[in-house]
Amino acid sequence: MAEAATAAGELTLEVVTPERVVLKTKAVSARLPGVLGYLGVLPGHTPLATALQAGVVFYRDAAGEEKRVAVSGGFLEIGHDRVIVLADTAERAEEIDVERARQAKERAERRLKERPPGLDVARAESALRRAIARLKAAGELE
């Protein structure tokens, strides 16, 4: 069965959070934000499991159109022409509230610049990464 999927040049991509299935689709390729950098996946990829960082899952559908999903971290499993993302949170590009993401980015940048007493720097940096990922997925940042 996996050989047929490889011959067709497609893989199944699933993005799942604890709350819902965000995406389940066929794709010809995917790029995912691994903790050591982005990973490119094509049909027939070697099985792999790794952690994800906040970033954008880019994928190409059968028509060659690039689509995007923002993820805030989690895990990735690749095997037999199937890519499963178990994300802490995830949003398809069309679901993102761009203004809210801009405000979150500005708020995190301001907190990191001002460094108020008691600031949890790791939490503020994480909030900034999530906001940037959401804006990139929405096409507002490159």
N, C-alpha and C. Protein backbone atom coordinates (compact mmCIF):
# COMPACT_ATOMS: atom_id res chain seq x y z
N MET A 1 0.82 -1.20 0.00
CA MET A 1 0.00 0.00 0.00
C MET A 1 0.86 1.26 0.00
N ALA A 2 1.95 1.28 0.79
CA ALA A 2 2.83 2.44 0.84
C ALA A 2 3.48 2.68 -0.51
N GLU A 3 3.78 1.62 -1.25
CA GLU A 3 4.38 1.79 -2.57
C GLU A 3 3.43 2.50 -3.51
N ALA A 4 2.14 2.22 -3.44
CA ALA A 4 1.16 2.88 -4.29
C ALA A 4 1.11 4.37 -3.98
N ALA A 5 1.17 4.72 -2.69
CA ALA A 5 1.15 6.13 -2.31
C ALA A 5 2.40 6.83 -2.81
N THR A 6 3.56 6.16 -2.70
CA THR A 6 4.81 6.74 -3.18
C THR A 6 4.75 6.94 -4.68
N ALA A 7 4.23 5.95 -5.40
CA ALA A 7 4.14 6.06 -6.84
C ALA A 7 3.24 7.23 -7.23
N ALA A 8 2.20 7.46 -6.47
CA ALA A 8 1.29 8.57 -6.74
C ALA A 8 1.92 9.90 -6.33
N GLY A 9 3.01 9.86 -5.55
CA GLY A 9 3.68 11.08 -5.13
C GLY A 9 2.97 11.86 -4.06
N GLU A 10 2.22 11.18 -3.20
CA GLU A 10 1.51 11.86 -2.14
C GLU A 10 1.82 11.25 -0.78
N LEU A 11 1.65 12.06 0.22
CA LEU A 11 1.72 11.58 1.60
C LEU A 11 0.51 12.14 2.33
N THR A 12 0.15 11.48 3.41
CA THR A 12 -0.95 11.96 4.24
C THR A 12 -0.34 12.82 5.34
N LEU A 13 -0.85 14.03 5.49
CA LEU A 13 -0.38 14.96 6.51
C LEU A 13 -1.51 15.20 7.49
N GLU A 14 -1.22 14.96 8.77
CA GLU A 14 -2.19 15.21 9.84
C GLU A 14 -1.57 16.14 10.87
N VAL A 15 -2.32 17.14 11.28
CA VAL A 15 -1.92 18.03 12.36
C VAL A 15 -3.02 17.93 13.42
N VAL A 16 -2.63 17.48 14.60
CA VAL A 16 -3.59 17.21 15.67
C VAL A 16 -3.15 17.92 16.94
N THR A 17 -4.11 18.52 17.65
CA THR A 17 -3.85 19.12 18.96
C THR A 17 -4.66 18.33 19.98
N PRO A 18 -4.48 18.59 21.26
CA PRO A 18 -5.31 17.91 22.26
C PRO A 18 -6.81 18.20 22.08
N GLU A 19 -7.15 19.33 21.46
CA GLU A 19 -8.55 19.72 21.31
C GLU A 19 -9.21 19.23 20.03
N ARG A 20 -8.41 19.09 18.93
CA ARG A 20 -9.05 18.79 17.64
C ARG A 20 -8.05 18.33 16.58
N VAL A 21 -8.61 17.81 15.50
CA VAL A 21 -7.83 17.52 14.30
C VAL A 21 -7.86 18.81 13.49
N VAL A 22 -6.72 19.46 13.36
CA VAL A 22 -6.62 20.74 12.66
C VAL A 22 -6.58 20.53 11.16
N LEU A 23 -5.91 19.45 10.75
CA LEU A 23 -5.73 19.21 9.32
C LEU A 23 -5.51 17.73 9.08
N LYS A 24 -6.14 17.21 8.05
CA LYS A 24 -5.87 15.87 7.55
C LYS A 24 -6.05 15.95 6.04
N THR A 25 -4.94 15.84 5.30
CA THR A 25 -4.98 16.07 3.87
C THR A 25 -3.89 15.28 3.16
N LYS A 26 -3.97 15.23 1.85
CA LYS A 26 -2.91 14.67 1.02
C LYS A 26 -2.00 15.82 0.62
N ALA A 27 -0.71 15.56 0.59
CA ALA A 27 0.27 16.57 0.21
C ALA A 27 1.36 15.90 -0.62
N VAL A 28 2.03 16.70 -1.45
CA VAL A 28 3.14 16.16 -2.23
C VAL A 28 4.47 16.43 -1.52
N SER A 29 4.48 17.39 -0.58
CA SER A 29 5.67 17.66 0.21
C SER A 29 5.27 18.45 1.45
N ALA A 30 6.18 18.46 2.43
CA ALA A 30 5.95 19.23 3.65
C ALA A 30 7.29 19.69 4.21
N ARG A 31 7.28 20.86 4.87
CA ARG A 31 8.44 21.37 5.62
C ARG A 31 7.94 21.68 7.01
N LEU A 32 8.67 21.15 7.99
CA LEU A 32 8.20 21.25 9.38
C LEU A 32 9.30 21.77 10.28
N PRO A 33 8.92 22.55 11.33
CA PRO A 33 9.90 23.19 12.21
C PRO A 33 10.44 22.28 13.31
N GLY A 34 11.42 21.46 12.97
CA GLY A 34 12.06 20.61 13.98
C GLY A 34 12.88 21.46 14.94
N VAL A 35 13.23 20.92 16.08
CA VAL A 35 13.99 21.69 17.06
C VAL A 35 15.39 22.04 16.58
N LEU A 36 15.91 21.31 15.61
CA LEU A 36 17.24 21.61 15.07
C LEU A 36 17.17 22.31 13.72
N GLY A 37 15.98 22.71 13.31
CA GLY A 37 15.79 23.38 12.03
C GLY A 37 14.67 22.73 11.24
N TYR A 38 14.36 23.32 10.10
CA TYR A 38 13.26 22.81 9.30
C TYR A 38 13.62 21.48 8.64
N LEU A 39 12.63 20.59 8.56
CA LEU A 39 12.78 19.28 7.93
C LEU A 39 11.92 19.23 6.68
N GLY A 40 12.48 18.79 5.58
CA GLY A 40 11.71 18.60 4.36
C GLY A 40 11.28 17.15 4.26
N VAL A 41 10.04 16.92 3.88
CA VAL A 41 9.51 15.56 3.79
C VAL A 41 8.85 15.37 2.43
N LEU A 42 9.25 14.31 1.75
CA LEU A 42 8.65 13.89 0.49
C LEU A 42 8.12 12.47 0.67
N PRO A 43 7.24 12.02 -0.20
CA PRO A 43 6.78 10.62 -0.11
C PRO A 43 7.98 9.67 -0.10
N GLY A 44 7.90 8.64 0.72
CA GLY A 44 8.99 7.67 0.82
C GLY A 44 10.07 8.05 1.82
N HIS A 45 9.86 9.13 2.59
CA HIS A 45 10.84 9.58 3.58
C HIS A 45 11.12 8.47 4.60
N THR A 46 12.33 8.42 5.06
CA THR A 46 12.72 7.48 6.11
C THR A 46 11.93 7.77 7.38
N PRO A 47 11.46 6.73 8.08
CA PRO A 47 10.74 6.95 9.33
C PRO A 47 11.57 7.77 10.32
N LEU A 48 10.89 8.63 11.04
CA LEU A 48 11.56 9.57 11.93
C LEU A 48 10.57 10.05 12.98
N ALA A 49 11.07 10.31 14.18
CA ALA A 49 10.28 10.97 15.23
C ALA A 49 11.17 12.03 15.84
N THR A 50 10.62 13.22 16.04
CA THR A 50 11.40 14.31 16.62
C THR A 50 10.48 15.34 17.26
N ALA A 51 11.07 16.19 18.07
CA ALA A 51 10.32 17.28 18.68
C ALA A 51 10.23 18.44 17.70
N LEU A 52 9.19 19.25 17.85
CA LEU A 52 8.99 20.43 17.02
C LEU A 52 9.12 21.68 17.89
N GLN A 53 9.53 22.76 17.25
CA GLN A 53 9.52 24.07 17.90
C GLN A 53 8.39 24.89 17.29
N ALA A 54 8.10 26.03 17.88
CA ALA A 54 7.10 26.93 17.31
C ALA A 54 7.55 27.34 15.92
N GLY A 55 6.64 27.29 14.98
CA GLY A 55 6.97 27.65 13.61
C GLY A 55 5.80 27.37 12.69
N VAL A 56 6.12 27.26 11.40
CA VAL A 56 5.09 27.06 10.39
C VAL A 56 5.30 25.73 9.71
N VAL A 57 4.23 24.96 9.58
CA VAL A 57 4.23 23.76 8.76
C VAL A 57 3.80 24.22 7.37
N PHE A 58 4.71 24.09 6.41
CA PHE A 58 4.41 24.41 5.02
C PHE A 58 4.13 23.10 4.30
N TYR A 59 3.12 23.07 3.44
CA TYR A 59 2.90 21.87 2.64
C TYR A 59 2.35 22.25 1.28
N ARG A 60 2.61 21.40 0.29
CA ARG A 60 2.09 21.60 -1.06
C ARG A 60 1.02 20.55 -1.32
N ASP A 61 -0.13 21.03 -1.78
CA ASP A 61 -1.20 20.10 -2.12
C ASP A 61 -0.97 19.53 -3.52
N ALA A 62 -1.85 18.67 -3.98
CA ALA A 62 -1.69 18.01 -5.28
C ALA A 62 -1.66 19.00 -6.44
N ALA A 63 -2.27 20.18 -6.27
CA ALA A 63 -2.27 21.20 -7.32
C ALA A 63 -0.99 22.05 -7.28
N GLY A 64 -0.11 21.78 -6.30
CA GLY A 64 1.14 22.53 -6.18
C GLY A 64 1.02 23.80 -5.38
N GLU A 65 -0.14 24.05 -4.79
CA GLU A 65 -0.35 25.26 -3.99
C GLU A 65 0.24 25.08 -2.60
N GLU A 66 1.03 26.08 -2.16
CA GLU A 66 1.60 26.01 -0.81
C GLU A 66 0.57 26.49 0.20
N LYS A 67 0.43 25.72 1.27
CA LYS A 67 -0.48 26.05 2.37
C LYS A 67 0.34 26.07 3.65
N ARG A 68 -0.23 26.69 4.70
CA ARG A 68 0.51 26.88 5.95
C ARG A 68 -0.35 26.61 7.18
N VAL A 69 0.32 26.09 8.20
CA VAL A 69 -0.31 25.88 9.51
C VAL A 69 0.70 26.34 10.56
N ALA A 70 0.29 27.21 11.47
CA ALA A 70 1.15 27.63 12.58
C ALA A 70 1.06 26.60 13.69
N VAL A 71 2.20 26.20 14.24
CA VAL A 71 2.23 25.28 15.37
C VAL A 71 3.08 25.90 16.47
N SER A 72 2.76 25.58 17.72
CA SER A 72 3.51 26.16 18.83
C SER A 72 4.47 25.17 19.46
N GLY A 73 4.72 24.07 18.80
CA GLY A 73 5.61 23.05 19.33
C GLY A 73 4.87 21.74 19.43
N GLY A 74 5.59 20.70 19.77
CA GLY A 74 4.98 19.39 19.89
C GLY A 74 5.93 18.33 19.34
N PHE A 75 5.35 17.33 18.68
CA PHE A 75 6.14 16.22 18.16
C PHE A 75 5.72 15.89 16.74
N LEU A 76 6.65 15.28 16.01
CA LEU A 76 6.45 14.90 14.63
C LEU A 76 6.81 13.43 14.47
N GLU A 77 5.97 12.70 13.75
CA GLU A 77 6.27 11.31 13.41
C GLU A 77 6.09 11.15 11.91
N ILE A 78 7.11 10.59 11.27
CA ILE A 78 7.07 10.32 9.84
C ILE A 78 7.21 8.83 9.65
N GLY A 79 6.36 8.27 8.80
CA GLY A 79 6.47 6.84 8.50
C GLY A 79 5.49 6.43 7.43
N HIS A 80 5.95 5.63 6.48
CA HIS A 80 5.10 5.05 5.43
C HIS A 80 4.19 6.08 4.77
N ASP A 81 4.80 7.12 4.23
CA ASP A 81 4.06 8.16 3.50
C ASP A 81 2.98 8.82 4.34
N ARG A 82 3.27 8.94 5.63
CA ARG A 82 2.34 9.58 6.56
C ARG A 82 3.14 10.48 7.49
N VAL A 83 2.69 11.71 7.65
CA VAL A 83 3.32 12.67 8.55
C VAL A 83 2.27 13.06 9.58
N ILE A 84 2.58 12.82 10.84
CA ILE A 84 1.66 13.16 11.92
C ILE A 84 2.33 14.18 12.83
N VAL A 85 1.68 15.32 12.99
CA VAL A 85 2.14 16.36 13.89
C VAL A 85 1.22 16.36 15.09
N LEU A 86 1.79 16.14 16.26
CA LEU A 86 1.06 16.23 17.52
C LEU A 86 1.48 17.55 18.14
N ALA A 87 0.68 18.59 17.92
CA ALA A 87 1.05 19.94 18.30
C ALA A 87 0.39 20.36 19.60
N ASP A 88 1.09 21.22 20.34
CA ASP A 88 0.50 21.81 21.54
C ASP A 88 -0.70 22.66 21.13
N THR A 89 -0.50 23.53 20.15
CA THR A 89 -1.58 24.29 19.53
C THR A 89 -1.26 24.41 18.05
N ALA A 90 -2.29 24.60 17.23
CA ALA A 90 -2.10 24.75 15.79
C ALA A 90 -3.28 25.49 15.19
N GLU A 91 -3.00 26.28 14.16
CA GLU A 91 -4.04 27.02 13.45
C GLU A 91 -3.72 27.04 11.96
N ARG A 92 -4.70 26.73 11.14
CA ARG A 92 -4.54 26.90 9.69
C ARG A 92 -4.46 28.41 9.41
N ALA A 93 -3.78 28.77 8.34
CA ALA A 93 -3.57 30.18 8.01
C ALA A 93 -4.87 30.98 8.02
N GLU A 94 -5.91 30.40 7.45
CA GLU A 94 -7.18 31.13 7.34
C GLU A 94 -7.90 31.30 8.68
N GLU A 95 -7.47 30.61 9.72
CA GLU A 95 -8.09 30.72 11.05
C GLU A 95 -7.43 31.78 11.92
N ILE A 96 -6.29 32.27 11.51
CA ILE A 96 -5.49 33.15 12.37
C ILE A 96 -6.08 34.55 12.42
N ASP A 97 -6.22 35.06 13.63
CA ASP A 97 -6.63 36.44 13.86
C ASP A 97 -5.35 37.28 13.81
N VAL A 98 -5.10 37.89 12.66
CA VAL A 98 -3.84 38.60 12.41
C VAL A 98 -3.64 39.74 13.39
N GLU A 99 -4.67 40.50 13.67
CA GLU A 99 -4.53 41.63 14.59
C GLU A 99 -4.16 41.15 15.99
N ARG A 100 -4.78 40.09 16.43
CA ARG A 100 -4.45 39.53 17.75
C ARG A 100 -3.00 39.03 17.78
N ALA A 101 -2.56 38.40 16.70
CA ALA A 101 -1.17 37.92 16.62
C ALA A 101 -0.19 39.09 16.63
N ARG A 102 -0.52 40.18 15.93
CA ARG A 102 0.34 41.38 15.93
C ARG A 102 0.45 41.94 17.34
N GLN A 103 -0.67 42.03 18.03
CA GLN A 103 -0.66 42.56 19.39
C GLN A 103 0.18 41.68 20.31
N ALA A 104 0.07 40.37 20.17
CA ALA A 104 0.85 39.44 20.99
C ALA A 104 2.34 39.62 20.71
N LYS A 105 2.69 39.79 19.45
CA LYS A 105 4.10 40.00 19.07
C LYS A 105 4.62 41.29 19.69
N GLU A 106 3.87 42.38 19.54
CA GLU A 106 4.29 43.67 20.10
C GLU A 106 4.42 43.60 21.61
N ARG A 107 3.47 42.95 22.26
CA ARG A 107 3.50 42.82 23.72
C ARG A 107 4.75 42.04 24.17
N ALA A 108 5.04 40.94 23.49
CA ALA A 108 6.22 40.14 23.86
C ALA A 108 7.51 40.91 23.59
N GLU A 109 7.58 41.60 22.47
CA GLU A 109 8.78 42.40 22.17
C GLU A 109 8.98 43.50 23.20
N ARG A 110 7.90 44.16 23.59
CA ARG A 110 7.97 45.24 24.58
C ARG A 110 8.46 44.69 25.93
N ARG A 111 7.91 43.56 26.34
CA ARG A 111 8.31 42.97 27.62
C ARG A 111 9.78 42.57 27.60
N LEU A 112 10.23 42.00 26.48
CA LEU A 112 11.63 41.59 26.38
C LEU A 112 12.57 42.80 26.34
N LYS A 113 12.12 43.90 25.76
CA LYS A 113 12.94 45.11 25.70
C LYS A 113 13.00 45.78 27.07
N GLU A 114 11.85 45.89 27.74
CA GLU A 114 11.78 46.59 29.02
C GLU A 114 12.31 45.75 30.18
N ARG A 115 12.19 44.44 30.08
CA ARG A 115 12.64 43.51 31.13
C ARG A 115 12.17 43.92 32.53
N PRO A 116 10.86 43.97 32.76
CA PRO A 116 10.37 44.35 34.09
C PRO A 116 10.81 43.32 35.14
N PRO A 117 10.88 43.72 36.39
CA PRO A 117 11.29 42.79 37.45
C PRO A 117 10.37 41.57 37.47
N GLY A 118 10.95 40.42 37.63
CA GLY A 118 10.18 39.19 37.70
C GLY A 118 9.77 38.62 36.34
N LEU A 119 10.27 39.22 35.27
CA LEU A 119 9.91 38.74 33.94
C LEU A 119 10.41 37.31 33.73
N ASP A 120 9.54 36.44 33.28
CA ASP A 120 9.93 35.09 32.89
C ASP A 120 10.37 35.19 31.43
N VAL A 121 11.68 35.34 31.23
CA VAL A 121 12.23 35.58 29.89
C VAL A 121 11.91 34.43 28.94
N ALA A 122 12.04 33.21 29.40
CA ALA A 122 11.77 32.06 28.53
C ALA A 122 10.31 32.07 28.06
N ARG A 123 9.41 32.42 28.96
CA ARG A 123 7.99 32.48 28.59
C ARG A 123 7.73 33.61 27.59
N ALA A 124 8.35 34.76 27.79
CA ALA A 124 8.18 35.89 26.87
C ALA A 124 8.77 35.55 25.49
N GLU A 125 9.92 34.90 25.47
CA GLU A 125 10.53 34.50 24.19
C GLU A 125 9.66 33.48 23.47
N SER A 126 9.08 32.57 24.23
CA SER A 126 8.19 31.57 23.65
C SER A 126 6.94 32.24 23.06
N ALA A 127 6.39 33.21 23.77
CA ALA A 127 5.21 33.95 23.27
C ALA A 127 5.56 34.68 21.98
N LEU A 128 6.76 35.25 21.92
CA LEU A 128 7.20 35.94 20.71
C LEU A 128 7.32 34.97 19.54
N ARG A 129 7.92 33.81 19.77
CA ARG A 129 8.05 32.79 18.71
C ARG A 129 6.69 32.34 18.20
N ARG A 130 5.74 32.13 19.11
CA ARG A 130 4.39 31.72 18.70
C ARG A 130 3.71 32.79 17.87
N ALA A 131 3.83 34.04 18.28
CA ALA A 131 3.20 35.14 17.54
C ALA A 131 3.82 35.28 16.15
N ILE A 132 5.12 35.17 16.07
CA ILE A 132 5.80 35.26 14.77
C ILE A 132 5.37 34.10 13.87
N ALA A 133 5.27 32.90 14.42
CA ALA A 133 4.83 31.75 13.63
C ALA A 133 3.42 31.98 13.09
N ARG A 134 2.53 32.51 13.92
CA ARG A 134 1.16 32.77 13.47
C ARG A 134 1.14 33.81 12.35
N LEU A 135 1.94 34.87 12.49
CA LEU A 135 1.99 35.91 11.45
C LEU A 135 2.60 35.38 10.15
N LYS A 136 3.62 34.54 10.27
CA LYS A 136 4.22 33.94 9.07
C LYS A 136 3.22 33.03 8.38
N ALA A 137 2.52 32.22 9.15
CA ALA A 137 1.53 31.31 8.57
C ALA A 137 0.42 32.09 7.86
N ALA A 138 0.06 33.24 8.40
CA ALA A 138 -0.99 34.06 7.80
C ALA A 138 -0.48 34.87 6.60
N GLY A 139 0.84 34.79 6.35
CA GLY A 139 1.41 35.51 5.22
C GLY A 139 1.73 36.97 5.52
N GLU A 140 1.75 37.34 6.81
CA GLU A 140 2.01 38.72 7.20
C GLU A 140 3.49 39.01 7.41
N LEU A 141 4.29 37.98 7.59
CA LEU A 141 5.75 38.11 7.75
C LEU A 141 6.41 37.07 6.86
N GLU A 142 7.62 37.37 6.45
CA GLU A 142 8.36 36.39 5.65
C GLU A 142 9.40 35.71 6.48
